[in-house]
All heavy atoms as atom14 arrays in JSON, in Angstrom:
{
  "sequence": "IDNYASRLLHKLESTAEADFERGFTAHGPHREDFTFYLNEQPAGQT",
  "atom14_mask": [
    [1, 1, 1, 1, 1, 1, 1, 1, 0, 0, 0, 0, 0, 0],
    [1, 1, 1, 1, 1, 1, 1, 1, 0, 0, 0, 0, 0, 0],
    [1, 1, 1, 1, 1, 1, 1, 1, 0, 0, 0, 0, 0, 0],
    [1, 1, 1, 1, 1, 1, 1, 1, 1, 1, 1, 1, 0, 0],
    [1, 1, 1, 1, 1, 0, 0, 0, 0, 0, 0, 0, 0, 0],
    [1, 1, 1, 1, 1, 1, 0, 0, 0, 0, 0, 0, 0, 0],
    [1, 1, 1, 1, 1, 1, 1, 1, 1, 1, 1, 0, 0, 0],
    [1, 1, 1, 1, 1, 1, 1, 1, 0, 0, 0, 0, 0, 0],
    [1, 1, 1, 1, 1, 1, 1, 1, 0, 0, 0, 0, 0, 0],
    [1, 1, 1, 1, 1, 1, 1, 1, 1, 1, 0, 0, 0, 0],
    [1, 1, 1, 1, 1, 1, 1, 1, 1, 0, 0, 0, 0, 0],
    [1, 1, 1, 1, 1, 1, 1, 1, 0, 0, 0, 0, 0, 0],
    [1, 1, 1, 1, 1, 1, 1, 1, 1, 0, 0, 0, 0, 0],
    [1, 1, 1, 1, 1, 1, 0, 0, 0, 0, 0, 0, 0, 0],
    [1, 1, 1, 1, 1, 1, 1, 0, 0, 0, 0, 0, 0, 0],
    [1, 1, 1, 1, 1, 0, 0, 0, 0, 0, 0, 0, 0, 0],
    [1, 1, 1, 1, 1, 1, 1, 1, 1, 0, 0, 0, 0, 0],
    [1, 1, 1, 1, 1, 0, 0, 0, 0, 0, 0, 0, 0, 0],
    [1, 1, 1, 1, 1, 1, 1, 1, 0, 0, 0, 0, 0, 0],
    [1, 1, 1, 1, 1, 1, 1, 1, 1, 1, 1, 0, 0, 0],
    [1, 1, 1, 1, 1, 1, 1, 1, 1, 0, 0, 0, 0, 0],
    [1, 1, 1, 1, 1, 1, 1, 1, 1, 1, 1, 0, 0, 0],
    [1, 1, 1, 1, 0, 0, 0, 0, 0, 0, 0, 0, 0, 0],
    [1, 1, 1, 1, 1, 1, 1, 1, 1, 1, 1, 0, 0, 0],
    [1, 1, 1, 1, 1, 1, 1, 0, 0, 0, 0, 0, 0, 0],
    [1, 1, 1, 1, 1, 0, 0, 0, 0, 0, 0, 0, 0, 0],
    [1, 1, 1, 1, 1, 1, 1, 1, 1, 1, 0, 0, 0, 0],
    [1, 1, 1, 1, 0, 0, 0, 0, 0, 0, 0, 0, 0, 0],
    [1, 1, 1, 1, 1, 1, 1, 0, 0, 0, 0, 0, 0, 0],
    [1, 1, 1, 1, 1, 1, 1, 1, 1, 1, 0, 0, 0, 0],
    [1, 1, 1, 1, 1, 1, 1, 1, 1, 1, 1, 0, 0, 0],
    [1, 1, 1, 1, 1, 1, 1, 1, 1, 0, 0, 0, 0, 0],
    [1, 1, 1, 1, 1, 1, 1, 1, 0, 0, 0, 0, 0, 0],
    [1, 1, 1, 1, 1, 1, 1, 1, 1, 1, 1, 0, 0, 0],
    [1, 1, 1, 1, 1, 1, 1, 0, 0, 0, 0, 0, 0, 0],
    [1, 1, 1, 1, 1, 1, 1, 1, 1, 1, 1, 0, 0, 0],
    [1, 1, 1, 1, 1, 1, 1, 1, 1, 1, 1, 1, 0, 0],
    [1, 1, 1, 1, 1, 1, 1, 1, 0, 0, 0, 0, 0, 0],
    [1, 1, 1, 1, 1, 1, 1, 1, 0, 0, 0, 0, 0, 0],
    [1, 1, 1, 1, 1, 1, 1, 1, 1, 0, 0, 0, 0, 0],
    [1, 1, 1, 1, 1, 1, 1, 1, 1, 0, 0, 0, 0, 0],
    [1, 1, 1, 1, 1, 1, 1, 0, 0, 0, 0, 0, 0, 0],
    [1, 1, 1, 1, 1, 0, 0, 0, 0, 0, 0, 0, 0, 0],
    [1, 1, 1, 1, 0, 0, 0, 0, 0, 0, 0, 0, 0, 0],
    [1, 1, 1, 1, 1, 1, 1, 1, 1, 0, 0, 0, 0, 0],
    [1, 1, 1, 1, 1, 1, 1, 0, 0, 0, 0, 0, 0, 0]
  ],
  "atom14_positions": [
    [[-1.71, -8.71, -7.84], [-1.19, -8.15, -9.08], [-2.14, -8.38, -10.25], [-2.18, -7.57, -11.19], [0.22, -8.71, -9.39], [0.94, -7.84, -10.42], [0.16, -10.17, -9.82], [1.23, -6.44, -9.97], [0.0, 0.0, 0.0], [0.0, 0.0, 0.0], [0.0, 0.0, 0.0], [0.0, 0.0, 0.0], [0.0, 0.0, 0.0], [0.0, 0.0, 0.0]],
    [[-2.92, -9.45, -10.22], [-3.8, -9.78, -11.36], [-4.93, -8.77, -11.54], [-5.43, -8.6, -12.66], [-4.4, -11.18, -11.18], [-3.35, -12.27, -11.32], [-2.28, -11.99, -11.9], [-3.58, -13.39, -10.83], [0.0, 0.0, 0.0], [0.0, 0.0, 0.0], [0.0, 0.0, 0.0], [0.0, 0.0, 0.0], [0.0, 0.0, 0.0], [0.0, 0.0, 0.0]],
    [[-5.38, -8.15, -10.48], [-6.44, -7.13, -10.63], [-6.1, -5.87, -9.84], [-6.96, -5.27, -9.19], [-7.79, -7.69, -10.22], [-7.82, -8.18, -8.78], [-6.78, -8.24, -8.12], [-9.0, -8.51, -8.3], [0.0, 0.0, 0.0], [0.0, 0.0, 0.0], [0.0, 0.0, 0.0], [0.0, 0.0, 0.0], [0.0, 0.0, 0.0], [0.0, 0.0, 0.0]],
    [[-4.83, -5.51, -9.9], [-4.32, -4.38, -9.12], [-5.05, -3.09, -9.48], [-5.46, -2.33, -8.59], [-2.81, -4.23, -9.36], [-2.13, -3.24, -8.44], [-1.42, -3.68, -7.33], [-2.17, -1.87, -8.68], [-0.79, -2.78, -6.47], [-1.55, -0.97, -7.83], [-0.86, -1.43, -6.73], [-0.24, -0.54, -5.88], [0.0, 0.0, 0.0], [0.0, 0.0, 0.0]],
    [[-5.22, -2.81, -10.78], [-5.81, -1.54, -11.2], [-7.23, -1.37, -10.67], [-7.58, -0.32, -10.13], [-5.8, -1.44, -12.73], [0.0, 0.0, 0.0], [0.0, 0.0, 0.0], [0.0, 0.0, 0.0], [0.0, 0.0, 0.0], [0.0, 0.0, 0.0], [0.0, 0.0, 0.0], [0.0, 0.0, 0.0], [0.0, 0.0, 0.0], [0.0, 0.0, 0.0]],
    [[-8.06, -2.41, -10.81], [-9.45, -2.29, -10.35], [-9.53, -2.2, -8.84], [-10.36, -1.45, -8.29], [-10.28, -3.47, -10.87], [-9.76, -4.7, -10.39], [0.0, 0.0, 0.0], [0.0, 0.0, 0.0], [0.0, 0.0, 0.0], [0.0, 0.0, 0.0], [0.0, 0.0, 0.0], [0.0, 0.0, 0.0], [0.0, 0.0, 0.0], [0.0, 0.0, 0.0]],
    [[-8.67, -2.95, -8.14], [-8.71, -2.91, -6.68], [-8.22, -1.55, -6.16], [-8.75, -1.02, -5.18], [-7.84, -4.04, -6.11], [-8.4, -5.44, -6.36], [-9.57, -5.73, -5.44], [-9.14, -5.77, -4.04], [-8.67, -6.86, -3.43], [-8.56, -8.01, -4.11], [-8.32, -6.82, -2.17], [0.0, 0.0, 0.0], [0.0, 0.0, 0.0], [0.0, 0.0, 0.0]],
    [[-7.19, -0.99, -6.8], [-6.7, 0.32, -6.38], [-7.75, 1.39, -6.65], [-7.99, 2.28, -5.82], [-5.39, 0.67, -7.09], [-4.81, 2.07, -6.82], [-4.61, 2.3, -5.33], [-3.5, 2.28, -7.59], [0.0, 0.0, 0.0], [0.0, 0.0, 0.0], [0.0, 0.0, 0.0], [0.0, 0.0, 0.0], [0.0, 0.0, 0.0], [0.0, 0.0, 0.0]],
    [[-8.41, 1.32, -7.82], [-9.46, 2.29, -8.14], [-10.56, 2.25, -7.1], [-11.03, 3.3, -6.62], [-10.02, 2.02, -9.54], [-11.18, 2.93, -9.98], [-10.73, 4.4, -9.99], [-11.69, 2.51, -11.35], [0.0, 0.0, 0.0], [0.0, 0.0, 0.0], [0.0, 0.0, 0.0], [0.0, 0.0, 0.0], [0.0, 0.0, 0.0], [0.0, 0.0, 0.0]],
    [[-10.99, 1.05, -6.74], [-12.04, 0.92, -5.74], [-11.58, 1.52, -4.4], [-12.37, 2.19, -3.71], [-12.41, -0.56, -5.55], [-13.41, -0.8, -4.47], [-14.75, -0.48, -4.6], [-13.24, -1.29, -3.19], [-15.37, -0.79, -3.47], [-14.49, -1.27, -2.61], [0.0, 0.0, 0.0], [0.0, 0.0, 0.0], [0.0, 0.0, 0.0], [0.0, 0.0, 0.0]],
    [[-10.33, 1.28, -4.03], [-9.81, 1.79, -2.77], [-9.74, 3.32, -2.78], [-10.08, 3.98, -1.8], [-8.42, 1.21, -2.51], [-7.94, 1.38, -1.09], [-8.75, 0.5, -0.13], [-8.19, 0.52, 1.27], [-8.99, -0.32, 2.2], [0.0, 0.0, 0.0], [0.0, 0.0, 0.0], [0.0, 0.0, 0.0], [0.0, 0.0, 0.0], [0.0, 0.0, 0.0]],
    [[-9.28, 3.87, -3.9], [-9.21, 5.33, -4.01], [-10.6, 5.96, -3.88], [-10.76, 7.03, -3.27], [-8.57, 5.73, -5.34], [-7.1, 5.37, -5.53], [-6.65, 5.69, -6.95], [-6.21, 6.11, -4.51], [0.0, 0.0, 0.0], [0.0, 0.0, 0.0], [0.0, 0.0, 0.0], [0.0, 0.0, 0.0], [0.0, 0.0, 0.0], [0.0, 0.0, 0.0]],
    [[-11.61, 5.3, -4.46], [-12.97, 5.81, -4.39], [-13.53, 5.7, -2.97], [-14.15, 6.63, -2.45], [-13.86, 5.04, -5.37], [-13.55, 5.29, -6.83], [-13.94, 6.69, -7.27], [-15.15, 6.98, -7.28], [-13.04, 7.49, -7.58], [0.0, 0.0, 0.0], [0.0, 0.0, 0.0], [0.0, 0.0, 0.0], [0.0, 0.0, 0.0], [0.0, 0.0, 0.0]],
    [[-13.31, 4.54, -2.36], [-13.93, 4.28, -1.05], [-13.25, 5.03, 0.1], [-13.85, 5.22, 1.15], [-13.93, 2.78, -0.75], [-12.6, 2.29, -0.66], [0.0, 0.0, 0.0], [0.0, 0.0, 0.0], [0.0, 0.0, 0.0], [0.0, 0.0, 0.0], [0.0, 0.0, 0.0], [0.0, 0.0, 0.0], [0.0, 0.0, 0.0], [0.0, 0.0, 0.0]],
    [[-12.0, 5.45, -0.12], [-11.27, 6.15, 0.95], [-11.05, 7.63, 0.63], [-10.2, 8.28, 1.25], [-9.91, 5.47, 1.21], [-9.12, 5.51, 0.01], [-10.08, 4.04, 1.67], [0.0, 0.0, 0.0], [0.0, 0.0, 0.0], [0.0, 0.0, 0.0], [0.0, 0.0, 0.0], [0.0, 0.0, 0.0], [0.0, 0.0, 0.0], [0.0, 0.0, 0.0]],
    [[-11.82, 8.15, -0.31], [-11.62, 9.55, -0.72], [-11.84, 10.51, 0.45], [-11.07, 11.47, 0.62], [-12.57, 9.89, -1.87], [0.0, 0.0, 0.0], [0.0, 0.0, 0.0], [0.0, 0.0, 0.0], [0.0, 0.0, 0.0], [0.0, 0.0, 0.0], [0.0, 0.0, 0.0], [0.0, 0.0, 0.0], [0.0, 0.0, 0.0], [0.0, 0.0, 0.0]],
    [[-12.85, 10.25, 1.26], [-13.11, 11.14, 2.4], [-11.93, 11.17, 3.35], [-11.51, 12.23, 3.83], [-14.39, 10.7, 3.13], [-15.67, 10.94, 2.34], [-15.92, 12.42, 2.1], [-15.6, 13.24, 3.0], [-16.4, 12.77, 1.01], [0.0, 0.0, 0.0], [0.0, 0.0, 0.0], [0.0, 0.0, 0.0], [0.0, 0.0, 0.0], [0.0, 0.0, 0.0]],
    [[-11.38, 9.98, 3.63], [-10.22, 9.9, 4.52], [-9.01, 10.6, 3.91], [-8.22, 11.25, 4.61], [-9.9, 8.45, 4.83], [0.0, 0.0, 0.0], [0.0, 0.0, 0.0], [0.0, 0.0, 0.0], [0.0, 0.0, 0.0], [0.0, 0.0, 0.0], [0.0, 0.0, 0.0], [0.0, 0.0, 0.0], [0.0, 0.0, 0.0], [0.0, 0.0, 0.0]],
    [[-8.84, 10.48, 2.59], [-7.73, 11.15, 1.92], [-7.87, 12.67, 2.0], [-6.87, 13.39, 2.15], [-7.65, 10.71, 0.46], [-6.98, 9.35, 0.28], [-6.44, 8.82, 1.28], [-6.98, 8.82, -0.85], [0.0, 0.0, 0.0], [0.0, 0.0, 0.0], [0.0, 0.0, 0.0], [0.0, 0.0, 0.0], [0.0, 0.0, 0.0], [0.0, 0.0, 0.0]],
    [[-9.13, 13.16, 1.92], [-9.34, 14.6, 2.09], [-8.93, 15.05, 3.49], [-8.34, 16.12, 3.66], [-10.81, 14.96, 1.83], [-11.13, 15.23, 0.39], [-11.95, 14.37, -0.33], [-10.63, 16.36, -0.25], [-12.25, 14.62, -1.66], [-10.93, 16.63, -1.58], [-11.73, 15.74, -2.28], [0.0, 0.0, 0.0], [0.0, 0.0, 0.0], [0.0, 0.0, 0.0]],
    [[-9.23, 14.23, 4.48], [-8.85, 14.57, 5.85], [-7.32, 14.58, 6.01], [-6.76, 15.44, 6.68], [-9.46, 13.55, 6.83], [-10.98, 13.61, 6.93], [-11.47, 14.93, 7.53], [-10.72, 15.53, 8.33], [-12.59, 15.35, 7.19], [0.0, 0.0, 0.0], [0.0, 0.0, 0.0], [0.0, 0.0, 0.0], [0.0, 0.0, 0.0], [0.0, 0.0, 0.0]],
    [[-6.68, 13.57, 5.38], [-5.22, 13.48, 5.47], [-4.52, 14.52, 4.63], [-3.43, 15.0, 4.97], [-4.76, 12.08, 5.03], [-4.97, 10.97, 6.04], [-4.37, 9.67, 5.54], [-5.19, 9.1, 4.48], [-6.01, 8.06, 4.65], [-6.11, 7.5, 5.83], [-6.71, 7.59, 3.64], [0.0, 0.0, 0.0], [0.0, 0.0, 0.0], [0.0, 0.0, 0.0]],
    [[-5.12, 14.83, 3.48], [-4.49, 15.76, 2.55], [-3.51, 15.09, 1.61], [-2.75, 15.77, 0.9], [0.0, 0.0, 0.0], [0.0, 0.0, 0.0], [0.0, 0.0, 0.0], [0.0, 0.0, 0.0], [0.0, 0.0, 0.0], [0.0, 0.0, 0.0], [0.0, 0.0, 0.0], [0.0, 0.0, 0.0], [0.0, 0.0, 0.0], [0.0, 0.0, 0.0]],
    [[-3.49, 13.77, 1.55], [-2.62, 13.04, 0.63], [-3.23, 11.67, 0.33], [-4.14, 11.2, 1.02], [-1.2, 12.89, 1.19], [-1.1, 12.07, 2.45], [-0.99, 10.67, 2.39], [-1.14, 12.68, 3.69], [-0.91, 9.92, 3.55], [-1.06, 11.93, 4.86], [-0.94, 10.55, 4.78], [0.0, 0.0, 0.0], [0.0, 0.0, 0.0], [0.0, 0.0, 0.0]],
    [[-2.69, 11.02, -0.72], [-3.18, 9.73, -1.18], [-2.48, 8.62, -0.41], [-1.26, 8.49, -0.46], [-2.92, 9.57, -2.69], [-3.53, 10.67, -3.39], [-3.47, 8.26, -3.22], [0.0, 0.0, 0.0], [0.0, 0.0, 0.0], [0.0, 0.0, 0.0], [0.0, 0.0, 0.0], [0.0, 0.0, 0.0], [0.0, 0.0, 0.0], [0.0, 0.0, 0.0]],
    [[-3.28, 7.79, 0.27], [-2.7, 6.79, 1.18], [-2.5, 5.43, 0.55], [-1.95, 4.54, 1.2], [-3.59, 6.65, 2.41], [0.0, 0.0, 0.0], [0.0, 0.0, 0.0], [0.0, 0.0, 0.0], [0.0, 0.0, 0.0], [0.0, 0.0, 0.0], [0.0, 0.0, 0.0], [0.0, 0.0, 0.0], [0.0, 0.0, 0.0], [0.0, 0.0, 0.0]],
    [[-2.9, 5.25, -0.71], [-2.77, 3.93, -1.33], [-2.18, 4.05, -2.73], [-2.42, 5.02, -3.45], [-4.14, 3.24, -1.4], [-4.73, 2.98, -0.05], [-5.54, 3.9, 0.59], [-4.62, 1.92, 0.79], [-5.91, 3.41, 1.76], [-5.36, 2.21, 1.91], [0.0, 0.0, 0.0], [0.0, 0.0, 0.0], [0.0, 0.0, 0.0], [0.0, 0.0, 0.0]],
    [[-1.38, 3.05, -3.1], [-0.72, 3.01, -4.4], [0.74, 2.62, -4.24], [1.26, 2.48, -3.12], [0.0, 0.0, 0.0], [0.0, 0.0, 0.0], [0.0, 0.0, 0.0], [0.0, 0.0, 0.0], [0.0, 0.0, 0.0], [0.0, 0.0, 0.0], [0.0, 0.0, 0.0], [0.0, 0.0, 0.0], [0.0, 0.0, 0.0], [0.0, 0.0, 0.0]],
    [[1.44, 2.45, -5.34], [2.84, 2.02, -5.29], [3.75, 2.94, -4.49], [4.78, 2.5, -3.97], [3.25, 2.0, -6.77], [1.98, 1.84, -7.52], [0.94, 2.54, -6.72], [0.0, 0.0, 0.0], [0.0, 0.0, 0.0], [0.0, 0.0, 0.0], [0.0, 0.0, 0.0], [0.0, 0.0, 0.0], [0.0, 0.0, 0.0], [0.0, 0.0, 0.0]],
    [[3.4, 4.22, -4.39], [4.23, 5.17, -3.64], [4.19, 4.93, -2.14], [4.97, 5.53, -1.39], [3.77, 6.61, -3.94], [2.37, 6.89, -3.48], [1.27, 6.38, -4.15], [1.88, 7.61, -2.42], [0.17, 6.77, -3.52], [0.51, 7.52, -2.48], [0.0, 0.0, 0.0], [0.0, 0.0, 0.0], [0.0, 0.0, 0.0], [0.0, 0.0, 0.0]],
    [[3.29, 4.03, -1.67], [3.2, 3.71, -0.25], [3.64, 2.27, 0.05], [3.55, 1.82, 1.19], [1.76, 3.89, 0.23], [1.18, 5.27, -0.02], [1.77, 6.31, 0.88], [1.37, 6.13, 2.27], [1.77, 6.89, 3.27], [2.6, 7.9, 3.03], [1.37, 6.68, 4.5], [0.0, 0.0, 0.0], [0.0, 0.0, 0.0], [0.0, 0.0, 0.0]],
    [[4.13, 1.56, -0.95], [4.5, 0.15, -0.77], [5.98, 0.0, -0.44], [6.77, 0.92, -0.62], [4.1, -0.64, -2.03], [2.59, -0.65, -2.22], [2.12, -1.2, -3.55], [2.94, -1.29, -4.48], [0.92, -1.51, -3.67], [0.0, 0.0, 0.0], [0.0, 0.0, 0.0], [0.0, 0.0, 0.0], [0.0, 0.0, 0.0], [0.0, 0.0, 0.0]],
    [[6.33, -1.18, 0.04], [7.68, -1.39, 0.56], [8.2, -2.74, 0.09], [7.48, -3.53, -0.55], [7.66, -1.33, 2.09], [9.05, -1.12, 2.71], [10.04, -1.02, 1.95], [9.13, -1.05, 3.94], [0.0, 0.0, 0.0], [0.0, 0.0, 0.0], [0.0, 0.0, 0.0], [0.0, 0.0, 0.0], [0.0, 0.0, 0.0], [0.0, 0.0, 0.0]],
    [[9.46, -3.02, 0.41], [10.11, -4.3, 0.11], [10.72, -4.82, 1.4], [11.34, -4.06, 2.15], [11.2, -4.12, -0.95], [10.71, -3.58, -2.26], [10.52, -2.21, -2.43], [10.45, -4.42, -3.33], [10.06, -1.7, -3.63], [10.0, -3.92, -4.54], [9.8, -2.56, -4.7], [0.0, 0.0, 0.0], [0.0, 0.0, 0.0], [0.0, 0.0, 0.0]],
    [[10.58, -6.12, 1.65], [11.12, -6.72, 2.87], [12.05, -7.87, 2.5], [11.66, -8.75, 1.71], [10.0, -7.24, 3.79], [9.1, -6.18, 4.09], [10.59, -7.78, 5.1], [0.0, 0.0, 0.0], [0.0, 0.0, 0.0], [0.0, 0.0, 0.0], [0.0, 0.0, 0.0], [0.0, 0.0, 0.0], [0.0, 0.0, 0.0], [0.0, 0.0, 0.0]],
    [[13.24, -7.86, 3.07], [14.19, -8.95, 2.87], [14.05, -9.95, 4.01], [13.95, -9.56, 5.18], [15.63, -8.41, 2.84], [15.93, -7.57, 1.63], [15.59, -6.22, 1.59], [16.57, -8.13, 0.53], [15.87, -5.45, 0.48], [16.85, -7.36, -0.59], [16.5, -6.02, -0.61], [0.0, 0.0, 0.0], [0.0, 0.0, 0.0], [0.0, 0.0, 0.0]],
    [[14.06, -11.24, 3.64], [13.95, -12.3, 4.64], [15.19, -13.18, 4.58], [15.65, -13.57, 3.5], [12.7, -13.14, 4.39], [11.42, -12.42, 4.73], [10.74, -11.69, 3.76], [10.89, -12.48, 6.01], [9.57, -11.01, 4.06], [9.71, -11.81, 6.33], [9.06, -11.08, 5.35], [7.9, -10.4, 5.66], [0.0, 0.0, 0.0], [0.0, 0.0, 0.0]],
    [[15.7, -13.5, 5.75], [16.82, -14.43, 5.9], [16.37, -15.55, 6.83], [16.05, -15.29, 8.0], [18.04, -13.7, 6.47], [19.28, -14.57, 6.75], [19.79, -15.24, 5.47], [20.38, -13.73, 7.38], [0.0, 0.0, 0.0], [0.0, 0.0, 0.0], [0.0, 0.0, 0.0], [0.0, 0.0, 0.0], [0.0, 0.0, 0.0], [0.0, 0.0, 0.0]],
    [[16.3, -16.76, 6.27], [15.8, -17.92, 7.04], [14.45, -17.63, 7.67], [14.21, -17.89, 8.86], [16.83, -18.34, 8.09], [18.11, -18.84, 7.45], [18.08, -19.52, 6.42], [19.25, -18.49, 8.04], [0.0, 0.0, 0.0], [0.0, 0.0, 0.0], [0.0, 0.0, 0.0], [0.0, 0.0, 0.0], [0.0, 0.0, 0.0], [0.0, 0.0, 0.0]],
    [[13.56, -17.04, 6.85], [12.16, -16.75, 7.18], [11.99, -15.64, 8.22], [10.87, -15.41, 8.69], [11.44, -18.03, 7.67], [11.51, -19.2, 6.71], [10.95, -18.88, 5.33], [10.07, -18.0, 5.25], [11.38, -19.5, 4.34], [0.0, 0.0, 0.0], [0.0, 0.0, 0.0], [0.0, 0.0, 0.0], [0.0, 0.0, 0.0], [0.0, 0.0, 0.0]],
    [[13.07, -14.93, 8.57], [12.97, -13.82, 9.52], [13.28, -12.51, 8.79], [14.13, -12.49, 7.9], [13.97, -14.01, 10.67], [13.74, -15.26, 11.5], [12.41, -15.24, 12.22], [12.0, -14.21, 12.77], [11.71, -16.37, 12.2], [0.0, 0.0, 0.0], [0.0, 0.0, 0.0], [0.0, 0.0, 0.0], [0.0, 0.0, 0.0], [0.0, 0.0, 0.0]],
    [[12.59, -11.41, 9.14], [12.88, -10.13, 8.48], [14.33, -9.72, 8.72], [14.75, -9.51, 9.86], [11.9, -9.15, 9.17], [10.85, -10.02, 9.77], [11.51, -11.3, 10.14], [0.0, 0.0, 0.0], [0.0, 0.0, 0.0], [0.0, 0.0, 0.0], [0.0, 0.0, 0.0], [0.0, 0.0, 0.0], [0.0, 0.0, 0.0], [0.0, 0.0, 0.0]],
    [[15.09, -9.6, 7.67], [16.53, -9.33, 7.79], [16.8, -7.98, 8.44], [17.78, -7.82, 9.18], [17.2, -9.41, 6.42], [0.0, 0.0, 0.0], [0.0, 0.0, 0.0], [0.0, 0.0, 0.0], [0.0, 0.0, 0.0], [0.0, 0.0, 0.0], [0.0, 0.0, 0.0], [0.0, 0.0, 0.0], [0.0, 0.0, 0.0], [0.0, 0.0, 0.0]],
    [[15.95, -7.0, 8.19], [16.16, -5.68, 8.77], [16.1, -5.68, 10.28], [16.64, -4.78, 10.94], [0.0, 0.0, 0.0], [0.0, 0.0, 0.0], [0.0, 0.0, 0.0], [0.0, 0.0, 0.0], [0.0, 0.0, 0.0], [0.0, 0.0, 0.0], [0.0, 0.0, 0.0], [0.0, 0.0, 0.0], [0.0, 0.0, 0.0], [0.0, 0.0, 0.0]],
    [[15.44, -6.7, 10.87], [15.29, -6.77, 12.32], [16.22, -7.78, 12.97], [16.62, -7.61, 14.13], [13.84, -7.13, 12.68], [12.81, -6.14, 12.16], [11.39, -6.62, 12.39], [11.12, -7.47, 13.23], [10.46, -6.08, 11.6], [0.0, 0.0, 0.0], [0.0, 0.0, 0.0], [0.0, 0.0, 0.0], [0.0, 0.0, 0.0], [0.0, 0.0, 0.0]],
    [[16.56, -8.83, 12.24], [17.27, -9.95, 12.89], [18.66, -10.22, 12.32], [19.46, -10.88, 12.99], [16.44, -11.24, 12.77], [16.29, -11.58, 11.37], [15.06, -11.07, 13.39], [0.0, 0.0, 0.0], [0.0, 0.0, 0.0], [0.0, 0.0, 0.0], [0.0, 0.0, 0.0], [0.0, 0.0, 0.0], [0.0, 0.0, 0.0], [0.0, 0.0, 0.0]]
  ]
}
């Protein structure tokens, strides 16, 4: 989180060719998720 903007910019630049192949942007908040843990185990699974 401390250098999110610069790291995301670098990733967008370095993966531009792959994004052209995919036809969409593969990195950024729109691709992130949230995981709930219960007693250190992923709650969605256990």
